[in-house]
Amino acid sequence: AIKIWFLKKKLKNQNIFIFISKQNLSIAVIGMNSNNSSELEAEKSQCPVEFSSNSSEQEIFLKNEFSWTEKQEMLLLGCYYYGYVIFHMVGGWIGFKFGFKKLLRSSLIGAFINLVFPFSIRLSFTFGVALRIALGISHSGSSAAMTEAWSKWAPQDEKSFLLNFIFSGMTFGLLLTNLAGGWIIQSFNWPVIFYIPAICTFFWAAIWHFRVSETPEEHKTIDKEELDLIISTRSGQKTMKKNISFLKLFTFLPVWGFIIGCVGKDFAAFTAMQMFPMYMNRKGLNFLTLAGKFFFAPLRGK
C-alpha cells in the first residue's frame, strides 16, 4: 500500500506544521514582550547572587521589542481560536463539498501568514491580531479534511490506525515547538520560529499538489492491487448523499452532549497549551533556556 503510506505521511506532516503554527506564538511571546520578565526580574533583585551566574541566560529579556499589557498578551494568544472555532463547521462543509485536497491547499494561506507575521506585528498590534484570526480560519477545516481523506482512501480494517497515525502529528508538533522553540528563539531570535513552519509548508504544498489525488481512482500511478484493495473494502461503506440541515442537528440531545464535552475538553487543553510556557517563565524558570536544555538532553547523553 505505497500510495496509502505516502498519503498518511503527508497528512501527518501537515498536522505537525499546523500545530507548530498554532503553538509558536505562545513560545515567541516570551521573547517578544518585556512584561514577561517582571516576576523574574523581581526575584533577581531579591536574590542577586543566585541569578548572577545565569546572566547570559537572562540576556534575552533585555532584547524584547514590545511592552504589551497582560490583556493584550491574552488577546494575541487567544485570537487564533476565534477564527478556528467559528469557521470549524464551515471548513468541514467545504471539505465535504469540494474535497480534502483542495481544502488542505488553504495551508498555503497559513504559511503566508506565518511568513509576514513578524513584520505585521511590528507595524501594528491590531494587524497582528487580525492575522492570527485569519490563521485560525485557514486551519479550521484541516481535521475534517483529513477525516474525509480516509473515507476515500483507507481500507476498512485500517481506517482507525490511519486516523490515529495522522492525528499523532498534533502531539509531535506541540512537543517539538515547546522543546525546540526555546533554543531557536535564543539562538536566532523570535521571528525564526514563524519562518520555519512557513517554509516547510510551502515545500509540503508543492508535493501535495503534484503527488496527491482526491480519490484512488484518479491517481495515475497507483498499483492495481492496491486500488482493488481500497475499492473492495470501501464498497461496504455507506455512500448515500443527503442534504444535511445544520439547524435540525441542534434539535438532538446527543449533539449538544458532544458539543459541551468537546468545548470543555478543548478549553482545558488549549488553555494549558497556550499558557504553560508563559506561566513557567513568570515563575522564574526561564522557559526558553529550560526547554532548550531538554531538547538537547538526548544528544548530551551520548
Protein backbone atom coordinates (compact mmCIF):
# COMPACT_ATOMS: atom_id res chain seq x y z
CA ALA A 1 0.00 0.00 0.00
CA ILE A 2 2.57 2.52 -1.19
CA LYS A 3 0.16 5.36 -2.00
CA ILE A 4 -1.64 4.99 1.33
CA TRP A 5 1.72 5.14 3.12
CA PHE A 6 2.64 8.30 1.18
CA LEU A 7 -0.69 9.96 1.95
CA LYS A 8 -0.55 9.22 5.67
CA LYS A 9 2.95 10.69 5.87
CA LYS A 10 1.85 13.88 4.10
CA LEU A 11 -1.23 14.25 6.31
CA LYS A 12 0.80 13.71 9.48
CA ASN A 13 3.39 16.26 8.34
CA GLN A 14 0.61 18.76 7.73
CA ASN A 15 -0.72 18.21 11.24
CA ILE A 16 2.77 18.83 12.62
CA PHE A 17 3.09 22.12 10.73
CA ILE A 18 -0.40 23.22 11.80
CA PHE A 19 0.35 22.65 15.48
CA ILE A 20 3.72 24.36 15.20
CA SER A 21 1.89 27.36 13.72
CA LYS A 22 -0.71 27.17 16.48
CA GLN A 23 1.81 26.93 19.34
CA ASN A 24 4.72 29.03 18.12
CA LEU A 25 3.30 32.33 19.37
CA SER A 26 2.96 31.06 22.95
CA ILE A 27 6.72 30.42 22.91
CA ALA A 28 7.68 33.50 20.90
CA VAL A 29 5.74 35.91 23.13
CA ILE A 30 8.25 35.21 25.93
CA GLY A 31 10.99 36.63 23.75
CA MET A 32 8.80 39.37 22.29
CA ASN A 33 7.24 41.05 25.32
CA SER A 34 9.27 42.64 28.10
CA ASN A 35 6.43 42.27 30.64
CA ASN A 36 7.02 38.52 30.72
CA SER A 37 10.16 39.07 32.75
CA SER A 38 8.52 41.10 35.56
CA GLU A 39 8.41 38.38 38.20
CA LEU A 40 11.77 37.04 37.13
CA GLU A 41 13.39 40.45 37.45
CA ALA A 42 11.76 40.88 40.87
CA GLU A 43 13.27 37.61 42.06
CA LYS A 44 16.59 38.62 40.56
CA SER A 45 16.65 41.86 42.55
CA GLN A 46 15.90 39.98 45.76
CA CYS A 47 18.48 37.23 45.15
CA PRO A 48 21.32 38.79 43.14
CA VAL A 49 23.80 36.03 43.92
CA GLU A 50 21.51 33.27 42.71
CA PHE A 51 20.83 34.94 39.38
CA SER A 52 24.27 36.37 38.66
CA SER A 53 25.61 33.09 37.31
CA ASN A 54 22.78 32.96 34.82
CA SER A 55 23.17 36.49 33.49
CA SER A 56 23.79 35.22 29.94
CA GLU A 57 20.57 33.22 30.06
CA GLN A 58 18.58 36.27 31.18
CA GLU A 59 20.00 38.47 28.44
CA ILE A 60 17.09 37.68 26.17
CA PHE A 61 14.77 39.70 28.41
CA LEU A 62 16.77 42.84 27.69
CA LYS A 63 16.20 42.46 23.94
CA ASN A 64 12.41 42.17 23.95
CA GLU A 65 10.80 44.51 21.43
CA PHE A 66 7.31 45.03 22.88
CA SER A 67 5.71 46.21 26.09
CA TRP A 68 2.24 44.72 25.89
CA THR A 69 -0.10 44.56 28.84
CA GLU A 70 -1.29 41.20 30.10
CA LYS A 71 -4.68 41.82 28.48
CA GLN A 72 -3.00 42.36 25.10
CA GLU A 73 -0.99 39.18 25.54
CA MET A 74 -4.13 37.16 26.26
CA LEU A 75 -5.88 38.66 23.24
CA LEU A 76 -2.97 37.84 20.95
CA LEU A 77 -2.73 34.26 22.20
CA GLY A 78 -6.48 33.62 22.11
CA CYS A 79 -7.48 35.28 18.85
CA TYR A 80 -6.32 32.28 16.80
CA TYR A 81 -9.18 30.27 18.27
CA TYR A 82 -11.76 32.92 17.39
CA GLY A 83 -11.25 32.17 13.72
CA TYR A 84 -10.63 28.46 14.27
CA VAL A 85 -13.79 27.74 16.28
CA ILE A 86 -16.21 30.00 14.41
CA PHE A 87 -15.32 28.56 10.99
CA HIS A 88 -14.70 24.98 12.11
CA MET A 89 -18.05 23.66 10.90
CA VAL A 90 -17.87 25.73 7.72
CA GLY A 91 -14.43 24.29 6.99
CA GLY A 92 -15.77 20.77 7.37
CA TRP A 93 -18.58 21.52 4.94
CA ILE A 94 -16.12 22.93 2.39
CA GLY A 95 -14.01 19.78 2.63
CA PHE A 96 -17.08 17.59 2.09
CA LYS A 97 -18.30 19.73 -0.81
CA PHE A 98 -15.06 20.35 -2.72
CA GLY A 99 -12.73 17.60 -1.50
CA PHE A 100 -9.95 17.31 1.04
CA LYS A 101 -7.14 18.04 -1.42
CA LYS A 102 -8.46 21.48 -2.31
CA LEU A 103 -9.29 22.34 1.29
CA LEU A 104 -5.82 21.47 2.58
CA ARG A 105 -4.34 23.80 -0.02
CA SER A 106 -5.53 26.55 2.32
CA SER A 107 -2.42 25.71 4.33
CA LEU A 108 -0.63 27.98 1.85
CA ILE A 109 -2.59 30.89 3.34
CA GLY A 110 -1.40 29.87 6.79
CA ALA A 111 2.19 29.65 5.55
CA PHE A 112 2.00 33.15 4.10
CA ILE A 113 0.52 34.49 7.36
CA ASN A 114 3.37 32.96 9.36
CA LEU A 115 5.85 34.49 6.95
CA VAL A 116 4.54 38.05 7.27
CA PHE A 117 3.51 37.94 10.94
CA PRO A 118 6.85 39.21 12.36
CA PHE A 119 6.69 42.23 10.04
CA SER A 120 2.99 42.93 10.66
CA ILE A 121 3.13 42.74 14.47
CA ARG A 122 5.96 45.28 14.41
CA LEU A 123 3.79 47.62 12.37
CA SER A 124 0.58 47.27 14.34
CA PHE A 125 -0.72 45.15 17.21
CA THR A 126 -4.18 45.17 15.62
CA PHE A 127 -2.74 43.90 12.34
CA GLY A 128 -1.06 41.05 14.20
CA VAL A 129 -4.33 40.08 15.91
CA ALA A 130 -6.14 40.10 12.56
CA LEU A 131 -3.52 37.81 11.03
CA ARG A 132 -3.79 35.32 13.90
CA ILE A 133 -7.57 35.20 13.44
CA ALA A 134 -7.03 34.60 9.72
CA LEU A 135 -4.54 31.83 10.57
CA GLY A 136 -7.19 30.12 12.69
CA ILE A 137 -9.67 30.35 9.81
CA SER A 138 -7.16 28.82 7.38
CA HIS A 139 -6.68 25.85 9.75
CA SER A 140 -10.34 25.41 10.69
CA GLY A 141 -11.18 22.68 8.19
CA SER A 142 -7.98 20.67 8.43
CA SER A 143 -9.20 17.95 10.82
CA ALA A 144 -12.40 17.41 8.84
CA ALA A 145 -10.43 17.28 5.57
CA MET A 146 -8.09 14.62 6.93
CA THR A 147 -11.02 12.52 8.10
CA GLU A 148 -12.62 12.95 4.69
CA ALA A 149 -9.40 11.75 3.03
CA TRP A 150 -9.55 8.36 4.74
CA SER A 151 -13.22 7.88 3.86
CA LYS A 152 -11.95 7.66 0.26
CA TRP A 153 -8.50 6.14 0.66
CA ALA A 154 -8.41 3.90 3.73
CA PRO A 155 -9.17 0.18 3.63
CA GLN A 156 -11.93 -0.53 6.12
CA ASP A 157 -9.73 -2.52 8.54
CA GLU A 158 -7.00 0.14 8.63
CA LYS A 159 -9.09 3.30 9.00
CA SER A 160 -8.75 3.65 12.80
CA PHE A 161 -4.99 3.13 12.68
CA LEU A 162 -4.52 5.64 9.85
CA LEU A 163 -6.61 8.29 11.63
CA ASN A 164 -4.66 7.85 14.87
CA PHE A 165 -1.39 7.97 12.96
CA ILE A 166 -2.03 11.32 11.28
CA PHE A 167 -3.51 12.91 14.40
CA SER A 168 -0.42 11.90 16.38
CA GLY A 169 1.21 14.71 14.40
CA MET A 170 -0.62 17.14 16.70
CA THR A 171 1.23 15.89 19.78
CA PHE A 172 4.54 15.71 17.95
CA GLY A 173 4.17 19.27 16.64
CA LEU A 174 3.29 20.54 20.12
CA LEU A 175 6.25 18.84 21.77
CA LEU A 176 8.64 19.90 19.02
CA THR A 177 7.59 23.54 19.33
CA ASN A 178 7.79 23.63 23.12
CA LEU A 179 11.19 21.93 23.27
CA ALA A 180 12.98 23.28 20.20
CA GLY A 181 11.26 26.69 20.26
CA GLY A 182 13.24 27.99 23.21
CA TRP A 183 16.58 27.13 21.62
CA ILE A 184 15.51 28.63 18.27
CA ILE A 185 14.44 31.93 19.84
CA GLN A 186 17.57 32.28 21.94
CA SER A 187 19.86 31.32 19.06
CA PHE A 188 18.20 33.07 16.10
CA ASN A 189 15.60 35.47 17.64
CA TRP A 190 11.83 35.02 17.76
CA PRO A 191 10.85 35.68 14.08
CA VAL A 192 12.59 32.46 13.00
CA ILE A 193 10.02 30.33 14.84
CA PHE A 194 7.41 31.71 12.40
CA TYR A 195 9.58 31.37 9.30
CA ILE A 196 10.33 27.67 9.82
CA PRO A 197 6.71 26.34 9.59
CA ALA A 198 6.03 28.75 6.72
CA ILE A 199 8.93 27.48 4.61
CA CYS A 200 8.20 23.82 5.45
CA THR A 201 4.54 24.27 4.48
CA PHE A 202 5.47 25.80 1.11
CA PHE A 203 7.55 22.71 0.29
CA TRP A 204 4.80 20.44 1.61
CA ALA A 205 2.16 22.16 -0.55
CA ALA A 206 4.23 21.69 -3.71
CA ILE A 207 4.50 17.93 -3.09
CA TRP A 208 0.82 17.79 -2.11
CA HIS A 209 -0.29 19.43 -5.35
CA PHE A 210 1.63 17.15 -7.69
CA ARG A 211 1.63 13.81 -5.85
CA VAL A 212 -1.78 13.51 -4.15
CA SER A 213 -5.13 12.74 -5.80
CA GLU A 214 -8.63 13.20 -4.42
CA THR A 215 -9.56 9.52 -4.89
CA PRO A 216 -7.61 6.31 -5.65
CA GLU A 217 -9.41 6.07 -8.99
CA GLU A 218 -7.95 9.43 -10.06
CA HIS A 219 -4.37 8.55 -9.13
CA LYS A 220 -2.27 7.93 -12.24
CA THR A 221 0.44 5.70 -10.80
CA ILE A 222 -1.38 3.65 -8.15
CA ASP A 223 -0.78 -0.09 -8.24
CA LYS A 224 -3.78 -2.12 -9.42
CA GLU A 225 -3.58 -4.46 -6.43
CA GLU A 226 -3.68 -1.52 -4.02
CA LEU A 227 -6.55 0.10 -5.92
CA ASP A 228 -8.58 -3.12 -5.85
CA LEU A 229 -7.97 -3.48 -2.11
CA ILE A 230 -9.25 0.02 -1.37
CA ILE A 231 -12.29 -0.26 -3.63
CA SER A 232 -13.29 -3.71 -2.36
CA THR A 233 -13.26 -2.67 1.31
CA ARG A 234 -14.81 0.71 0.59
CA SER A 235 -17.80 -0.88 -1.11
CA GLY A 236 -19.30 -1.74 2.26
CA GLN A 237 -19.38 1.87 3.38
CA LYS A 238 -22.48 3.99 3.10
CA THR A 239 -22.20 6.37 0.17
CA MET A 240 -25.73 7.75 0.13
CA LYS A 241 -25.75 11.53 -0.07
CA LYS A 242 -28.24 13.56 1.90
CA ASN A 243 -28.93 17.23 2.31
CA ILE A 244 -27.96 17.93 5.91
CA SER A 245 -29.81 20.65 7.78
CA PHE A 246 -27.44 22.15 10.35
CA LEU A 247 -30.32 23.72 12.25
CA LYS A 248 -32.02 20.36 12.62
CA LEU A 249 -28.85 18.86 14.09
CA PHE A 250 -29.16 21.14 17.11
CA THR A 251 -32.54 19.63 17.98
CA PHE A 252 -30.89 16.35 19.03
CA LEU A 253 -29.73 15.98 22.63
CA PRO A 254 -26.66 13.79 21.77
CA VAL A 255 -25.37 16.59 19.53
CA TRP A 256 -25.46 19.03 22.45
CA GLY A 257 -23.78 16.46 24.70
CA PHE A 258 -20.99 16.09 22.17
CA ILE A 259 -20.63 19.87 21.76
CA ILE A 260 -20.47 20.51 25.52
CA GLY A 261 -17.94 17.71 26.02
CA CYS A 262 -15.70 18.96 23.20
CA VAL A 263 -15.88 22.58 24.37
CA GLY A 264 -14.90 21.61 27.92
CA LYS A 265 -12.08 19.34 26.79
CA ASP A 266 -10.68 21.77 24.21
CA PHE A 267 -10.95 24.75 26.57
CA ALA A 268 -8.87 22.98 29.21
CA ALA A 269 -6.36 21.52 26.75
CA PHE A 270 -5.78 24.63 24.65
CA THR A 271 -5.68 26.98 27.63
CA ALA A 272 -2.99 24.85 29.27
CA MET A 273 -1.14 24.54 25.97
CA GLN A 274 -1.07 28.29 25.32
CA MET A 275 -0.44 29.46 28.89
CA PHE A 276 2.08 26.88 30.14
CA PRO A 277 5.26 28.46 28.64
CA MET A 278 4.35 31.94 29.90
CA TYR A 279 3.38 30.63 33.34
CA MET A 280 6.66 28.73 33.73
CA ASN A 281 8.63 31.76 32.63
CA ARG A 282 6.89 34.15 35.01
CA LYS A 283 7.60 31.80 37.89
CA GLY A 284 11.30 32.33 37.28
CA LEU A 285 12.10 29.07 35.49
CA ASN A 286 13.17 30.78 32.22
CA PHE A 287 11.17 28.53 29.91
CA LEU A 288 13.26 29.26 26.80
CA THR A 289 16.50 28.04 28.37
CA LEU A 290 14.84 25.16 30.19
CA ALA A 291 13.14 23.87 27.02
CA GLY A 292 16.38 24.13 25.08
CA LYS A 293 18.19 22.01 27.68
CA PHE A 294 15.51 19.31 27.46
CA PHE A 295 15.68 19.40 23.66
CA PHE A 296 19.43 18.70 23.59
CA ALA A 297 19.44 16.31 26.56
CA PRO A 298 19.49 13.13 24.39
CA LEU A 299 22.49 14.44 22.43
CA ARG A 300 24.40 15.30 25.60
CA GLY A 301 23.89 11.78 26.94
CA LYS A 302 25.78 10.21 24.05
